[in-house]
Amino acid sequence: MASTTAAVPVSCCGREGGCACAKEATCSCGKQPALHCNCEKAQAENKTAGARCSCQQRPAGSCTCSRSSTENTKPTGATCACGQRASDSCTCGGTQVGQASELETDFTTKASGA
């Protein structure tokens, strides 16, 4: 059976032999490999946007591999911008709205004075 990922993610669990957690991950129904869901949840299950678990196969907090007990805990301490992962293992890639930086100006939600 072919691996479900093309490349080992930098954030992967790092076990011997590549990303074992990516091979273990399944869609939430458990019938198909993650990102290859074909049940009624397929449209949501096969998306890759937003914060992900370490192997990048499942949304953060929804891991189904043998690391799920670790992966699915709420991070403590410093978190990445999305707040769903620890700051040293961020997987959202800046794609989710987090806390605005005091150095940033948000032009998307502020009403114009025109």
PDB file of N, CA and C in Angstrom:
ATOM      1  N   MET A   1       0.840  -1.184   0.000  1.00  0.00           N
ATOM      2  CA  MET A   1       0.000   0.000   0.000  1.00  0.00           C
ATOM      3  C   MET A   1       0.880   1.240   0.000  1.00  0.00           C
ATOM      4  N   ALA A   2       0.559   2.207  -0.781  1.00  0.00           N
ATOM      5  CA  ALA A   2       1.328   3.441  -0.882  1.00  0.00           C
ATOM      6  C   ALA A   2       1.086   4.311   0.341  1.00  0.00           C
ATOM      7  N   SER A   3       2.093   5.094   0.672  1.00  0.00           N
ATOM      8  CA  SER A   3       1.961   6.027   1.783  1.00  0.00           C
ATOM      9  C   SER A   3       0.934   7.091   1.434  1.00  0.00           C
ATOM     10  N   THR A   4       0.270   7.623   2.450  1.00  0.00           N
ATOM     11  CA  THR A   4      -0.744   8.640   2.213  1.00  0.00           C
ATOM     12  C   THR A   4      -0.154  10.034   2.097  1.00  0.00           C
ATOM     13  N   THR A   5       1.157  10.165   2.274  1.00  0.00           N
ATOM     14  CA  THR A   5       1.776  11.472   2.130  1.00  0.00           C
ATOM     15  C   THR A   5       2.866  11.406   1.076  1.00  0.00           C
ATOM     16  N   ALA A   6       3.102  12.516   0.418  1.00  0.00           N
ATOM     17  CA  ALA A   6       4.140  12.584  -0.598  1.00  0.00           C
ATOM     18  C   ALA A   6       5.500  12.819   0.042  1.00  0.00           C
ATOM     19  N   ALA A   7       5.536  13.541   1.134  1.00  0.00           N
ATOM     20  CA  ALA A   7       6.782  13.856   1.817  1.00  0.00           C
ATOM     21  C   ALA A   7       6.547  13.825   3.316  1.00  0.00           C
ATOM     22  N   VAL A   8       7.606  13.529   4.057  1.00  0.00           N
ATOM     23  CA  VAL A   8       7.493  13.508   5.510  1.00  0.00           C
ATOM     24  C   VAL A   8       7.467  14.945   6.007  1.00  0.00           C
ATOM     25  N   PRO A   9       6.395  15.362   6.679  1.00  0.00           N
ATOM     26  CA  PRO A   9       6.310  16.727   7.181  1.00  0.00           C
ATOM     27  C   PRO A   9       7.392  17.015   8.217  1.00  0.00           C
ATOM     28  N   VAL A  10       7.892  18.234   8.245  1.00  0.00           N
ATOM     29  CA  VAL A  10       8.899  18.645   9.210  1.00  0.00           C
ATOM     30  C   VAL A  10       8.392  18.428  10.634  1.00  0.00           C
ATOM     31  N   SER A  11       7.098  18.614  10.850  1.00  0.00           N
ATOM     32  CA  SER A  11       6.529  18.508  12.192  1.00  0.00           C
ATOM     33  C   SER A  11       6.183  17.080  12.593  1.00  0.00           C
ATOM     34  N   CYS A  12       6.519  16.098  11.753  1.00  0.00           N
ATOM     35  CA  CYS A  12       6.125  14.710  12.015  1.00  0.00           C
ATOM     36  C   CYS A  12       6.698  14.195  13.324  1.00  0.00           C
ATOM     37  N   CYS A  13       6.081  13.142  13.811  1.00  0.00           N
ATOM     38  CA  CYS A  13       6.467  12.531  15.079  1.00  0.00           C
ATOM     39  C   CYS A  13       7.907  12.044  15.075  1.00  0.00           C
ATOM     40  N   GLY A  14       8.494  11.816  13.913  1.00  0.00           N
ATOM     41  CA  GLY A  14       9.906  11.498  13.805  1.00  0.00           C
ATOM     42  C   GLY A  14      10.291  10.088  14.195  1.00  0.00           C
ATOM     43  N   ARG A  15       9.364   9.166  14.160  1.00  0.00           N
ATOM     44  CA  ARG A  15       9.719   7.783  14.469  1.00  0.00           C
ATOM     45  C   ARG A  15      10.559   7.200  13.347  1.00  0.00           C
ATOM     46  N   GLU A  16      11.273   6.119  13.649  1.00  0.00           N
ATOM     47  CA  GLU A  16      12.093   5.441  12.641  1.00  0.00           C
ATOM     48  C   GLU A  16      11.240   5.017  11.452  1.00  0.00           C
ATOM     49  N   GLY A  17      11.814   5.046  10.269  1.00  0.00           N
ATOM     50  CA  GLY A  17      11.119   4.578   9.079  1.00  0.00           C
ATOM     51  C   GLY A  17      10.137   5.574   8.513  1.00  0.00           C
ATOM     52  N   GLY A  18      10.385   6.867   8.691  1.00  0.00           N
ATOM     53  CA  GLY A  18       9.482   7.873   8.141  1.00  0.00           C
ATOM     54  C   GLY A  18       8.400   8.268   9.119  1.00  0.00           C
ATOM     55  N   CYS A  19       7.321   8.744   8.587  1.00  0.00           N
ATOM     56  CA  CYS A  19       6.239   9.271   9.414  1.00  0.00           C
ATOM     57  C   CYS A  19       5.207   8.169   9.660  1.00  0.00           C
ATOM     58  N   ALA A  20       5.446   7.360  10.680  1.00  0.00           N
ATOM     59  CA  ALA A  20       4.536   6.252  10.992  1.00  0.00           C
ATOM     60  C   ALA A  20       3.142   6.755  11.325  1.00  0.00           C
ATOM     61  N   CYS A  21       3.056   7.908  11.982  1.00  0.00           N
ATOM     62  CA  CYS A  21       1.741   8.430  12.359  1.00  0.00           C
ATOM     63  C   CYS A  21       0.911   8.776  11.125  1.00  0.00           C
ATOM     64  N   ALA A  22       1.549   9.226  10.052  1.00  0.00           N
ATOM     65  CA  ALA A  22       0.810   9.538   8.826  1.00  0.00           C
ATOM     66  C   ALA A  22       0.227   8.273   8.207  1.00  0.00           C
ATOM     67  N   LYS A  23       0.913   7.167   8.352  1.00  0.00           N
ATOM     68  CA  LYS A  23       0.416   5.898   7.820  1.00  0.00           C
ATOM     69  C   LYS A  23      -0.726   5.355   8.670  1.00  0.00           C
ATOM     70  N   GLU A  24      -0.733   5.673   9.956  1.00  0.00           N
ATOM     71  CA  GLU A  24      -1.763   5.183  10.872  1.00  0.00           C
ATOM     72  C   GLU A  24      -3.043   6.011  10.836  1.00  0.00           C
ATOM     73  N   ALA A  25      -2.937   7.276  10.479  1.00  0.00           N
ATOM     74  CA  ALA A  25      -4.081   8.191  10.548  1.00  0.00           C
ATOM     75  C   ALA A  25      -5.204   7.758   9.611  1.00  0.00           C
ATOM     76  N   THR A  26      -6.420   7.821  10.111  1.00  0.00           N
ATOM     77  CA  THR A  26      -7.599   7.476   9.312  1.00  0.00           C
ATOM     78  C   THR A  26      -8.590   8.625   9.346  1.00  0.00           C
ATOM     79  N   CYS A  27      -9.572   8.579   8.442  1.00  0.00           N
ATOM     80  CA  CYS A  27     -10.645   9.564   8.532  1.00  0.00           C
ATOM     81  C   CYS A  27     -11.441   9.249   9.804  1.00  0.00           C
ATOM     82  N   SER A  28     -12.300  10.125  10.222  1.00  0.00           N
ATOM     83  CA  SER A  28     -12.971   9.958  11.512  1.00  0.00           C
ATOM     84  C   SER A  28     -13.846   8.717  11.584  1.00  0.00           C
ATOM     85  N   CYS A  29     -14.315   8.216  10.449  1.00  0.00           N
ATOM     86  CA  CYS A  29     -15.117   6.982  10.474  1.00  0.00           C
ATOM     87  C   CYS A  29     -14.233   5.749  10.640  1.00  0.00           C
ATOM     88  N   GLY A  30     -12.917   5.896  10.412  1.00  0.00           N
ATOM     89  CA  GLY A  30     -11.975   4.811  10.602  1.00  0.00           C
ATOM     90  C   GLY A  30     -11.876   3.825   9.458  1.00  0.00           C
ATOM     91  N   LYS A  31     -12.605   4.041   8.393  1.00  0.00           N
ATOM     92  CA  LYS A  31     -12.634   3.079   7.285  1.00  0.00           C
ATOM     93  C   LYS A  31     -11.578   3.338   6.218  1.00  0.00           C
ATOM     94  N   GLN A  32     -11.138   4.577   6.090  1.00  0.00           N
ATOM     95  CA  GLN A  32     -10.203   4.949   5.032  1.00  0.00           C
ATOM     96  C   GLN A  32      -9.005   5.681   5.628  1.00  0.00           C
ATOM     97  N   PRO A  33      -7.866   5.684   4.908  1.00  0.00           N
ATOM     98  CA  PRO A  33      -6.740   6.500   5.355  1.00  0.00           C
ATOM     99  C   PRO A  33      -7.141   7.978   5.382  1.00  0.00           C
ATOM    100  N   ALA A  34      -6.536   8.728   6.276  1.00  0.00           N
ATOM    101  CA  ALA A  34      -6.806  10.163   6.353  1.00  0.00           C
ATOM    102  C   ALA A  34      -6.572  10.801   4.990  1.00  0.00           C
ATOM    103  N   LEU A  35      -7.367  11.779   4.666  1.00  0.00           N
ATOM    104  CA  LEU A  35      -7.359  12.519   3.404  1.00  0.00           C
ATOM    105  C   LEU A  35      -7.856  11.693   2.221  1.00  0.00           C
ATOM    106  N   HIS A  36      -8.337  10.495   2.475  1.00  0.00           N
ATOM    107  CA  HIS A  36      -8.906   9.647   1.426  1.00  0.00           C
ATOM    108  C   HIS A  36     -10.290   9.169   1.836  1.00  0.00           C
ATOM    109  N   CYS A  37     -10.971   9.965   2.623  1.00  0.00           N
ATOM    110  CA  CYS A  37     -12.294   9.603   3.131  1.00  0.00           C
ATOM    111  C   CYS A  37     -13.298   9.551   1.979  1.00  0.00           C
ATOM    112  N   ASN A  38     -14.205   8.585   2.043  1.00  0.00           N
ATOM    113  CA  ASN A  38     -15.247   8.503   1.017  1.00  0.00           C
ATOM    114  C   ASN A  38     -16.635   8.338   1.635  1.00  0.00           C
ATOM    115  N   CYS A  39     -16.751   8.620   2.938  1.00  0.00           N
ATOM    116  CA  CYS A  39     -18.058   8.544   3.592  1.00  0.00           C
ATOM    117  C   CYS A  39     -18.764   9.899   3.469  1.00  0.00           C
ATOM    118  N   GLU A  40     -19.870  10.064   4.153  1.00  0.00           N
ATOM    119  CA  GLU A  40     -20.637  11.313   4.055  1.00  0.00           C
ATOM    120  C   GLU A  40     -19.870  12.528   4.588  1.00  0.00           C
ATOM    121  N   LYS A  41     -18.781  12.304   5.317  1.00  0.00           N
ATOM    122  CA  LYS A  41     -17.975  13.408   5.847  1.00  0.00           C
ATOM    123  C   LYS A  41     -16.805  13.762   4.928  1.00  0.00           C
ATOM    124  N   ALA A  42     -16.720  13.146   3.766  1.00  0.00           N
ATOM    125  CA  ALA A  42     -15.565  13.294   2.875  1.00  0.00           C
ATOM    126  C   ALA A  42     -15.226  14.744   2.553  1.00  0.00           C
ATOM    127  N   GLN A  43     -16.215  15.564   2.292  1.00  0.00           N
ATOM    128  CA  GLN A  43     -15.941  16.953   1.911  1.00  0.00           C
ATOM    129  C   GLN A  43     -15.153  17.676   3.000  1.00  0.00           C
ATOM    130  N   ALA A  44     -15.518  17.483   4.247  1.00  0.00           N
ATOM    131  CA  ALA A  44     -14.801  18.116   5.356  1.00  0.00           C
ATOM    132  C   ALA A  44     -13.520  17.361   5.701  1.00  0.00           C
ATOM    133  N   GLU A  45     -13.567  16.048   5.673  1.00  0.00           N
ATOM    134  CA  GLU A  45     -12.432  15.212   6.080  1.00  0.00           C
ATOM    135  C   GLU A  45     -11.218  15.347   5.167  1.00  0.00           C
ATOM    136  N   ASN A  46     -11.421  15.605   3.899  1.00  0.00           N
ATOM    137  CA  ASN A  46     -10.323  15.622   2.940  1.00  0.00           C
ATOM    138  C   ASN A  46      -9.715  17.004   2.733  1.00  0.00           C
ATOM    139  N   LYS A  47     -10.130  17.981   3.510  1.00  0.00           N
ATOM    140  CA  LYS A  47      -9.550  19.323   3.436  1.00  0.00           C
ATOM    141  C   LYS A  47      -8.235  19.353   4.204  1.00  0.00           C
ATOM    142  N   THR A  48      -7.322  20.188   3.758  1.00  0.00           N
ATOM    143  CA  THR A  48      -6.028  20.301   4.434  1.00  0.00           C
ATOM    144  C   THR A  48      -5.759  21.697   4.971  1.00  0.00           C
ATOM    145  N   ALA A  49      -6.749  22.557   4.996  1.00  0.00           N
ATOM    146  CA  ALA A  49      -6.548  23.931   5.461  1.00  0.00           C
ATOM    147  C   ALA A  49      -6.528  23.990   6.986  1.00  0.00           C
ATOM    148  N   GLY A  50      -5.849  25.001   7.502  1.00  0.00           N
ATOM    149  CA  GLY A  50      -5.847  25.238   8.938  1.00  0.00           C
ATOM    150  C   GLY A  50      -4.802  24.431   9.682  1.00  0.00           C
ATOM    151  N   ALA A  51      -4.829  24.548  10.993  1.00  0.00           N
ATOM    152  CA  ALA A  51      -3.865  23.850  11.845  1.00  0.00           C
ATOM    153  C   ALA A  51      -4.062  22.346  11.731  1.00  0.00           C
ATOM    154  N   ARG A  52      -2.964  21.625  11.671  1.00  0.00           N
ATOM    155  CA  ARG A  52      -2.989  20.178  11.469  1.00  0.00           C
ATOM    156  C   ARG A  52      -2.272  19.472  12.614  1.00  0.00           C
ATOM    157  N   CYS A  53      -2.501  18.170  12.743  1.00  0.00           N
ATOM    158  CA  CYS A  53      -1.731  17.380  13.699  1.00  0.00           C
ATOM    159  C   CYS A  53      -0.304  17.258  13.151  1.00  0.00           C
ATOM    160  N   SER A  54       0.600  16.661  13.894  1.00  0.00           N
ATOM    161  CA  SER A  54       2.008  16.611  13.495  1.00  0.00           C
ATOM    162  C   SER A  54       2.249  16.002  12.127  1.00  0.00           C
ATOM    163  N   CYS A  55       1.491  14.982  11.764  1.00  0.00           N
ATOM    164  CA  CYS A  55       1.724  14.326  10.474  1.00  0.00           C
ATOM    165  C   CYS A  55       1.012  15.032   9.323  1.00  0.00           C
ATOM    166  N   GLN A  56       0.260  16.073   9.622  1.00  0.00           N
ATOM    167  CA  GLN A  56      -0.449  16.879   8.624  1.00  0.00           C
ATOM    168  C   GLN A  56      -1.655  16.178   8.008  1.00  0.00           C
ATOM    169  N   GLN A  57      -2.018  15.000   8.491  1.00  0.00           N
ATOM    170  CA  GLN A  57      -3.096  14.233   7.890  1.00  0.00           C
ATOM    171  C   GLN A  57      -4.469  14.559   8.458  1.00  0.00           C
ATOM    172  N   ARG A  58      -4.534  15.111   9.670  1.00  0.00           N
ATOM    173  CA  ARG A  58      -5.804  15.382  10.341  1.00  0.00           C
ATOM    174  C   ARG A  58      -5.771  16.791  10.931  1.00  0.00           C
ATOM    175  N   PRO A  59      -6.943  17.397  11.156  1.00  0.00           N
ATOM    176  CA  PRO A  59      -6.968  18.705  11.815  1.00  0.00           C
ATOM    177  C   PRO A  59      -6.385  18.611  13.230  1.00  0.00           C
ATOM    178  N   ALA A  60      -5.759  19.679  13.680  1.00  0.00           N
ATOM    179  CA  ALA A  60      -5.240  19.715  15.047  1.00  0.00           C
ATOM    180  C   ALA A  60      -6.376  19.423  16.021  1.00  0.00           C
ATOM    181  N   GLY A  61      -6.104  18.554  16.981  1.00  0.00           N
ATOM    182  CA  GLY A  61      -7.113  18.179  17.962  1.00  0.00           C
ATOM    183  C   GLY A  61      -7.994  17.025  17.530  1.00  0.00           C
ATOM    184  N   SER A  62      -7.791  16.515  16.317  1.00  0.00           N
ATOM    185  CA  SER A  62      -8.602  15.403  15.800  1.00  0.00           C
ATOM    186  C   SER A  62      -7.741  14.253  15.305  1.00  0.00           C
ATOM    187  N   CYS A  63      -6.579  14.088  15.879  1.00  0.00           N
ATOM    188  CA  CYS A  63      -5.645  13.051  15.461  1.00  0.00           C
ATOM    189  C   CYS A  63      -6.233  11.665  15.717  1.00  0.00           C
ATOM    190  N   THR A  64      -5.965  10.727  14.812  1.00  0.00           N
ATOM    191  CA  THR A  64      -6.464   9.356  14.967  1.00  0.00           C
ATOM    192  C   THR A  64      -5.343   8.322  15.005  1.00  0.00           C
ATOM    193  N   CYS A  65      -4.076   8.749  15.013  1.00  0.00           N
ATOM    194  CA  CYS A  65      -2.985   7.779  15.041  1.00  0.00           C
ATOM    195  C   CYS A  65      -2.669   7.385  16.484  1.00  0.00           C
ATOM    196  N   SER A  66      -1.619   6.592  16.665  1.00  0.00           N
ATOM    197  CA  SER A  66      -1.264   6.129  18.006  1.00  0.00           C
ATOM    198  C   SER A  66      -0.785   7.265  18.908  1.00  0.00           C
ATOM    199  N   ARG A  67      -0.513   8.440  18.348  1.00  0.00           N
ATOM    200  CA  ARG A  67      -0.120   9.609  19.146  1.00  0.00           C
ATOM    201  C   ARG A  67      -1.312  10.484  19.521  1.00  0.00           C
ATOM    202  N   SER A  68      -2.518  10.023  19.277  1.00  0.00           N
ATOM    203  CA  SER A  68      -3.705  10.860  19.492  1.00  0.00           C
ATOM    204  C   SER A  68      -3.825  11.369  20.923  1.00  0.00           C
ATOM    205  N   SER A  69      -3.419  10.586  21.908  1.00  0.00           N
ATOM    206  CA  SER A  69      -3.534  11.051  23.294  1.00  0.00           C
ATOM    207  C   SER A  69      -2.644  12.262  23.544  1.00  0.00           C
ATOM    208  N   THR A  70      -1.524  12.349  22.854  1.00  0.00           N
ATOM    209  CA  THR A  70      -0.638  13.510  22.962  1.00  0.00           C
ATOM    210  C   THR A  70      -1.096  14.624  22.035  1.00  0.00           C
ATOM    211  N   GLU A  71      -1.382  14.278  20.802  1.00  0.00           N
ATOM    212  CA  GLU A  71      -1.751  15.254  19.775  1.00  0.00           C
ATOM    213  C   GLU A  71      -3.043  16.003  20.089  1.00  0.00           C
ATOM    214  N   ASN A  72      -3.990  15.350  20.720  1.00  0.00           N
ATOM    215  CA  ASN A  72      -5.312  15.943  20.913  1.00  0.00           C
ATOM    216  C   ASN A  72      -5.466  16.718  22.214  1.00  0.00           C
ATOM    217  N   THR A  73      -4.389  16.909  22.954  1.00  0.00           N
ATOM    218  CA  THR A  73      -4.467  17.708  24.175  1.00  0.00           C
ATOM    219  C   THR A  73      -4.319  19.182  23.830  1.00  0.00           C
ATOM    220  N   LYS A  74      -4.982  20.025  24.591  1.00  0.00           N
ATOM    221  CA  LYS A  74      -4.889  21.474  24.385  1.00  0.00           C
ATOM    222  C   LYS A  74      -3.496  21.921  24.821  1.00  0.00           C
ATOM    223  N   PRO A  75      -2.802  22.682  23.993  1.00  0.00           N
ATOM    224  CA  PRO A  75      -1.444  23.099  24.354  1.00  0.00           C
ATOM    225  C   PRO A  75      -1.438  24.032  25.561  1.00  0.00           C
ATOM    226  N   THR A  76      -0.382  23.923  26.347  1.00  0.00           N
ATOM    227  CA  THR A  76      -0.186  24.830  27.476  1.00  0.00           C
ATOM    228  C   THR A  76       1.029  25.688  27.168  1.00  0.00           C
ATOM    229  N   GLY A  77       1.092  26.845  27.756  1.00  0.00           N
ATOM    230  CA  GLY A  77       2.208  27.739  27.493  1.00  0.00           C
ATOM    231  C   GLY A  77       2.021  28.485  26.188  1.00  0.00           C
ATOM    232  N   ALA A  78       3.140  28.832  25.576  1.00  0.00           N
ATOM    233  CA  ALA A  78       3.112  29.609  24.332  1.00  0.00           C
ATOM    234  C   ALA A  78       2.531  28.775  23.193  1.00  0.00           C
ATOM    235  N   THR A  79       1.602  29.373  22.454  1.00  0.00           N
ATOM    236  CA  THR A  79       0.990  28.690  21.314  1.00  0.00           C
ATOM    237  C   THR A  79       1.286  29.460  20.032  1.00  0.00           C
ATOM    238  N   CYS A  80       1.093  28.783  18.901  1.00  0.00           N
ATOM    239  CA  CYS A  80       1.240  29.483  17.621  1.00  0.00           C
ATOM    240  C   CYS A  80       0.035  30.407  17.437  1.00  0.00           C
ATOM    241  N   ALA A  81       0.004  31.151  16.372  1.00  0.00           N
ATOM    242  CA  ALA A  81      -1.017  32.188  16.171  1.00  0.00           C
ATOM    243  C   ALA A  81      -2.443  31.663  16.258  1.00  0.00           C
ATOM    244  N   CYS A  82      -2.677  30.451  15.796  1.00  0.00           N
ATOM    245  CA  CYS A  82      -4.044  29.920  15.809  1.00  0.00           C
ATOM    246  C   CYS A  82      -4.462  29.434  17.191  1.00  0.00           C
ATOM    247  N   GLY A  83      -3.503  29.222  18.090  1.00  0.00           N
ATOM    248  CA  GLY A  83      -3.804  28.778  19.443  1.00  0.00           C
ATOM    249  C   GLY A  83      -4.067  27.291  19.579  1.00  0.00           C
ATOM    250  N   GLN A  84      -3.957  26.542  18.490  1.00  0.00           N
ATOM    251  CA  GLN A  84      -4.273  25.117  18.533  1.00  0.00           C
ATOM    252  C   GLN A  84      -3.061  24.216  18.691  1.00  0.00           C
ATOM    253  N   ARG A  85      -1.858  24.760  18.554  1.00  0.00           N
ATOM    254  CA  ARG A  85      -0.626  23.977  18.692  1.00  0.00           C
ATOM    255  C   ARG A  85       0.376  24.783  19.497  1.00  0.00           C
ATOM    256  N   ALA A  86       1.368  24.101  20.074  1.00  0.00           N
ATOM    257  CA  ALA A  86       2.443  24.782  20.788  1.00  0.00           C
ATOM    258  C   ALA A  86       3.238  25.628  19.795  1.00  0.00           C
ATOM    259  N   SER A  87       3.818  26.718  20.280  1.00  0.00           N
ATOM    260  CA  SER A  87       4.528  27.636  19.387  1.00  0.00           C
ATOM    261  C   SER A  87       5.695  26.975  18.665  1.00  0.00           C
ATOM    262  N   ASP A  88       6.302  25.955  19.262  1.00  0.00           N
ATOM    263  CA  ASP A  88       7.430  25.294  18.611  1.00  0.00           C
ATOM    264  C   ASP A  88       7.006  24.166  17.673  1.00  0.00           C
ATOM    265  N   SER A  89       5.704  23.946  17.520  1.00  0.00           N
ATOM    266  CA  SER A  89       5.230  22.913  16.584  1.00  0.00           C
ATOM    267  C   SER A  89       4.010  23.400  15.810  1.00  0.00           C
ATOM    268  N   CYS A  90       4.050  24.656  15.410  1.00  0.00           N
ATOM    269  CA  CYS A  90       2.930  25.255  14.692  1.00  0.00           C
ATOM    270  C   CYS A  90       2.754  24.607  13.322  1.00  0.00           C
ATOM    271  N   THR A  91       1.506  24.284  12.984  1.00  0.00           N
ATOM    272  CA  THR A  91       1.216  23.676  11.684  1.00  0.00           C
ATOM    273  C   THR A  91       0.127  24.430  10.928  1.00  0.00           C
ATOM    274  N   CYS A  92      -0.279  25.589  11.439  1.00  0.00           N
ATOM    275  CA  CYS A  92      -1.334  26.324  10.739  1.00  0.00           C
ATOM    276  C   CYS A  92      -0.767  27.148   9.594  1.00  0.00           C
ATOM    277  N   GLY A  93       0.522  27.377   9.592  1.00  0.00           N
ATOM    278  CA  GLY A  93       1.152  28.106   8.499  1.00  0.00           C
ATOM    279  C   GLY A  93       0.632  29.524   8.345  1.00  0.00           C
ATOM    280  N   GLY A  94       0.085  30.079   9.418  1.00  0.00           N
ATOM    281  CA  GLY A  94      -0.458  31.424   9.352  1.00  0.00           C
ATOM    282  C   GLY A  94      -1.772  31.498   8.617  1.00  0.00           C
ATOM    283  N   THR A  95      -2.424  30.363   8.413  1.00  0.00           N
ATOM    284  CA  THR A  95      -3.664  30.339   7.645  1.00  0.00           C
ATOM    285  C   THR A  95      -4.896  30.577   8.490  1.00  0.00           C
ATOM    286  N   GLN A  96      -4.738  30.581   9.805  1.00  0.00           N
ATOM    287  CA  GLN A  96      -5.888  30.797  10.660  1.00  0.00           C
ATOM    288  C   GLN A  96      -5.720  32.100  11.421  1.00  0.00           C
ATOM    289  N   VAL A  97      -6.820  32.732  11.686  1.00  0.00           N
ATOM    290  CA  VAL A  97      -6.797  33.994  12.402  1.00  0.00           C
ATOM    291  C   VAL A  97      -6.459  33.736  13.857  1.00  0.00           C
ATOM    292  N   GLY A  98      -5.451  34.407  14.326  1.00  0.00           N
ATOM    293  CA  GLY A  98      -5.073  34.304  15.729  1.00  0.00           C
ATOM    294  C   GLY A  98      -5.112  35.687  16.341  1.00  0.00           C
ATOM    295  N   GLN A  99      -4.312  35.894  17.336  1.00  0.00           N
ATOM    296  CA  GLN A  99      -4.219  37.199  17.958  1.00  0.00           C
ATOM    297  C   GLN A  99      -3.477  38.145  17.018  1.00  0.00           C
ATOM    298  N   ALA A 100      -3.991  39.328  16.852  1.00  0.00           N
ATOM    299  CA  ALA A 100      -3.327  40.324  16.015  1.00  0.00           C
ATOM    300  C   ALA A 100      -2.090  40.837  16.732  1.00  0.00           C
ATOM    301  N   SER A 101      -1.069  41.086  15.977  1.00  0.00           N
ATOM    302  CA  SER A 101       0.140  41.658  16.531  1.00  0.00           C
ATOM    303  C   SER A 101      -0.066  43.157  16.684  1.00  0.00           C
ATOM    304  N   GLU A 102       0.512  43.727  17.717  1.00  0.00           N
ATOM    305  CA  GLU A 102       0.400  45.176  17.905  1.00  0.00           C
ATOM    306  C   GLU A 102       1.135  45.938  16.808  1.00  0.00           C
ATOM    307  N   LEU A 103       1.990  45.247  16.055  1.00  0.00           N
ATOM    308  CA  LEU A 103       2.729  45.873  14.967  1.00  0.00           C
ATOM    309  C   LEU A 103       1.988  45.796  13.637  1.00  0.00           C
ATOM    310  N   GLU A 104       0.846  45.101  13.612  1.00  0.00           N
ATOM    311  CA  GLU A 104       0.087  44.938  12.380  1.00  0.00           C
ATOM    312  C   GLU A 104      -1.104  45.887  12.338  1.00  0.00           C
ATOM    313  N   THR A 105      -1.464  46.306  11.147  1.00  0.00           N
ATOM    314  CA  THR A 105      -2.678  47.079  10.935  1.00  0.00           C
ATOM    315  C   THR A 105      -3.640  46.211  10.151  1.00  0.00           C
ATOM    316  N   ASP A 106      -4.835  46.002  10.679  1.00  0.00           N
ATOM    317  CA  ASP A 106      -5.828  45.157  10.022  1.00  0.00           C
ATOM    318  C   ASP A 106      -6.680  46.023   9.105  1.00  0.00           C
ATOM    319  N   PHE A 107      -6.410  45.951   7.810  1.00  0.00           N
ATOM    320  CA  PHE A 107      -7.162  46.728   6.834  1.00  0.00           C
ATOM    321  C   PHE A 107      -8.411  45.995   6.362  1.00  0.00           C
ATOM    322  N   THR A 108      -8.585  44.747   6.770  1.00  0.00           N
ATOM    323  CA  THR A 108      -9.705  43.949   6.272  1.00  0.00           C
ATOM    324  C   THR A 108     -10.980  44.127   7.069  1.00  0.00           C
ATOM    325  N   THR A 109     -10.890  44.559   8.328  1.00  0.00           N
ATOM    326  CA  THR A 109     -12.095  44.657   9.154  1.00  0.00           C
ATOM    327  C   THR A 109     -12.390  46.057   9.660  1.00  0.00           C
ATOM    328  N   LYS A 110     -11.485  46.963   9.457  1.00  0.00           N
ATOM    329  CA  LYS A 110     -11.703  48.325   9.944  1.00  0.00           C
ATOM    330  C   LYS A 110     -12.495  49.128   8.917  1.00  0.00           C
ATOM    331  N   ALA A 111     -13.479  49.852   9.393  1.00  0.00           N
ATOM    332  CA  ALA A 111     -14.293  50.685   8.501  1.00  0.00           C
ATOM    333  C   ALA A 111     -13.446  51.836   7.978  1.00  0.00           C
ATOM    334  N   SER A 112     -13.646  52.165   6.725  1.00  0.00           N
ATOM    335  CA  SER A 112     -12.881  53.271   6.148  1.00  0.00           C
ATOM    336  C   SER A 112     -13.526  54.597   6.544  1.00  0.00           C
ATOM    337  N   GLY A 113     -12.725  55.615   6.596  1.00  0.00           N
ATOM    338  CA  GLY A 113     -13.217  56.932   6.973  1.00  0.00           C
ATOM    339  C   GLY A 113     -13.653  57.746   5.773  1.00  0.00           C
ATOM    340  N   ALA A 114     -13.815  57.120   4.625  1.00  0.00           N
ATOM    341  CA  ALA A 114     -14.144  57.841   3.391  1.00  0.00           C
ATOM    342  C   ALA A 114     -15.577  58.254   3.314  1.00  0.00           C
TER     343      ALA A 114
END
